[in-house]
Amino acid sequence: MNTITTVGNVCAEIKHSASNGKKAVARLRIAENRRVRNDAGDWVDAEPMFRNVVVFGHQADNVAVSIRKGSRVVVVGREHATAWIDKETNEKRTGSEIVADVVAASTEFDIWTKADA
C-alpha cells in the first residue's frame, strides 16, 4: 500500500456525519502551500494544491471537535480515486481524495486550544 503524507491548512468547514452504517465520517479540504524560488532567486508562494480528505470512525469524531477551518494539519493516508455523474451535465467526473489514517494538528506555527474556540 502506498502512503501519502501531506501538510496543509484546512480551508473549509469540516463536514461531520454518520454514513448509512452509522459509522462517523468527517470530510475536510486542505490547501498545501509551497514556497519556491523564482528565476531571480527570490522565494515566492507557489500555486496552492487543494486536497479532499476523508476520515472514518472514532477519529472522524475527534477531528470534528479538535480541528477547524484555518488549522494547519498533517495528514497521513492513502490516495483513493473517485468517480461520479455530474447532476447538472450528466457527465462522468473523476477526482481523488485522501483516506486518512492520521490527522493531527501541526505545531509548525501557532496552535489553538479549546479555550481559544
Protein backbone atom coordinates (compact mmCIF):
# COMPACT_ATOMS: atom_id res chain seq x y z
CA MET A 1 0.00 0.00 0.00
CA ASN A 2 1.30 3.44 -0.89
CA THR A 3 1.17 6.04 1.86
CA ILE A 4 0.86 9.77 1.32
CA THR A 5 1.83 12.36 3.90
CA THR A 6 0.86 15.98 3.41
CA VAL A 7 0.74 19.18 5.43
CA GLY A 8 -1.75 21.95 4.76
CA ASN A 9 -4.32 24.37 6.10
CA VAL A 10 -7.97 23.37 6.46
CA CYS A 11 -9.69 25.74 4.04
CA ALA A 12 -13.39 24.97 4.62
CA GLU A 13 -15.65 23.97 7.48
CA ILE A 14 -15.40 20.27 8.32
CA LYS A 15 -18.42 18.19 7.31
CA HIS A 16 -19.15 15.60 10.01
CA SER A 17 -21.87 12.97 9.76
CA ALA A 18 -22.68 9.31 10.12
CA SER A 19 -22.78 7.15 6.99
CA ASN A 20 -25.51 4.59 6.25
CA GLY A 21 -23.85 2.04 8.55
CA LYS A 22 -23.79 4.62 11.37
CA LYS A 23 -20.00 4.95 11.10
CA ALA A 24 -18.85 8.52 11.67
CA VAL A 25 -17.37 10.34 8.66
CA ALA A 26 -15.51 13.65 8.58
CA ARG A 27 -14.66 15.38 5.31
CA LEU A 28 -12.23 18.23 5.09
CA ARG A 29 -10.45 20.17 2.38
CA ILE A 30 -6.87 21.28 2.83
CA ALA A 31 -4.64 23.64 0.90
CA GLU A 32 -1.00 22.69 0.56
CA ASN A 33 1.11 25.82 0.29
CA ARG A 34 4.66 25.64 -1.02
CA ARG A 35 7.39 28.22 -1.39
CA VAL A 36 9.65 28.07 -4.46
CA ARG A 37 12.44 30.18 -5.88
CA ASN A 38 11.64 32.25 -8.96
CA ASP A 39 14.08 32.96 -11.81
CA ALA A 40 15.58 35.85 -9.81
CA GLY A 41 16.28 33.53 -6.89
CA ASP A 42 13.62 35.07 -4.63
CA TRP A 43 11.25 32.93 -2.56
CA VAL A 44 7.63 33.21 -3.73
CA ASP A 45 4.40 31.39 -2.97
CA ALA A 46 3.61 28.63 -5.47
CA GLU A 47 0.05 27.89 -6.51
CA PRO A 48 -1.67 26.01 -3.69
CA MET A 49 -2.79 22.43 -4.20
CA PHE A 50 -6.20 21.60 -2.77
CA ARG A 51 -6.90 18.10 -1.47
CA ASN A 52 -10.03 16.42 -0.18
CA VAL A 53 -9.56 14.28 2.93
CA VAL A 54 -11.98 11.76 4.43
CA VAL A 55 -11.70 10.28 7.93
CA PHE A 56 -13.80 7.45 9.36
CA GLY A 57 -14.86 6.14 12.76
CA HIS A 58 -13.82 7.47 16.13
CA GLN A 59 -11.07 9.56 14.55
CA ALA A 60 -13.72 11.38 12.49
CA ASP A 61 -15.41 12.41 15.73
CA ASN A 62 -12.07 13.58 17.14
CA VAL A 63 -11.27 15.60 14.01
CA ALA A 64 -14.69 17.26 14.11
CA VAL A 65 -14.16 18.58 17.65
CA SER A 66 -10.43 19.34 17.58
CA ILE A 67 -9.71 20.69 14.08
CA ARG A 68 -11.33 23.74 12.50
CA LYS A 69 -11.12 25.88 9.39
CA GLY A 70 -7.72 27.56 9.34
CA SER A 71 -5.99 24.80 11.34
CA ARG A 72 -2.68 23.56 9.99
CA VAL A 73 -2.75 19.75 9.86
CA VAL A 74 -0.59 16.79 8.99
CA VAL A 75 -2.47 14.06 7.12
CA VAL A 76 -1.20 10.51 6.59
CA GLY A 77 -3.25 8.11 4.48
CA ARG A 78 -3.74 6.68 1.03
CA GLU A 79 -4.97 8.28 -2.16
CA HIS A 80 -8.33 6.97 -3.36
CA ALA A 81 -9.78 7.59 -6.84
CA THR A 82 -13.42 8.64 -7.01
CA ALA A 83 -15.93 8.85 -9.85
CA TRP A 84 -19.45 10.26 -10.06
CA ILE A 85 -22.06 11.54 -12.52
CA ASP A 86 -22.48 15.32 -12.54
CA LYS A 87 -26.15 16.03 -11.75
CA GLU A 88 -26.28 19.15 -13.95
CA THR A 89 -24.45 17.93 -17.07
CA ASN A 90 -24.94 14.16 -16.64
CA GLU A 91 -21.24 13.73 -17.46
CA LYS A 92 -18.86 11.37 -15.70
CA ARG A 93 -16.40 13.17 -13.38
CA THR A 94 -13.33 11.83 -11.63
CA GLY A 95 -11.23 13.02 -8.72
CA SER A 96 -9.30 11.80 -5.76
CA GLU A 97 -9.30 12.06 -2.01
CA ILE A 98 -7.01 11.02 0.79
CA VAL A 99 -8.47 8.35 3.06
CA ALA A 100 -6.73 9.36 6.27
CA ASP A 101 -5.18 7.04 8.80
CA VAL A 102 -3.93 10.02 10.82
CA VAL A 103 -4.99 13.68 11.00
CA ALA A 104 -3.00 15.72 13.50
CA ALA A 105 -2.61 19.38 14.33
CA SER A 106 0.70 20.74 13.08
CA THR A 107 2.80 22.64 15.59
CA GLU A 108 4.86 24.23 12.81
CA PHE A 109 3.21 27.56 13.56
CA ASP A 110 0.76 28.69 16.25
CA ILE A 111 -1.69 26.18 17.66
CA TRP A 112 -5.03 26.82 19.37
CA THR A 113 -6.62 25.24 22.37
CA LYS A 114 -10.24 24.64 23.31
CA ALA A 115 -10.07 27.85 25.35
CA ASP A 116 -9.47 29.74 22.06
CA ALA A 117 -12.63 28.32 20.44
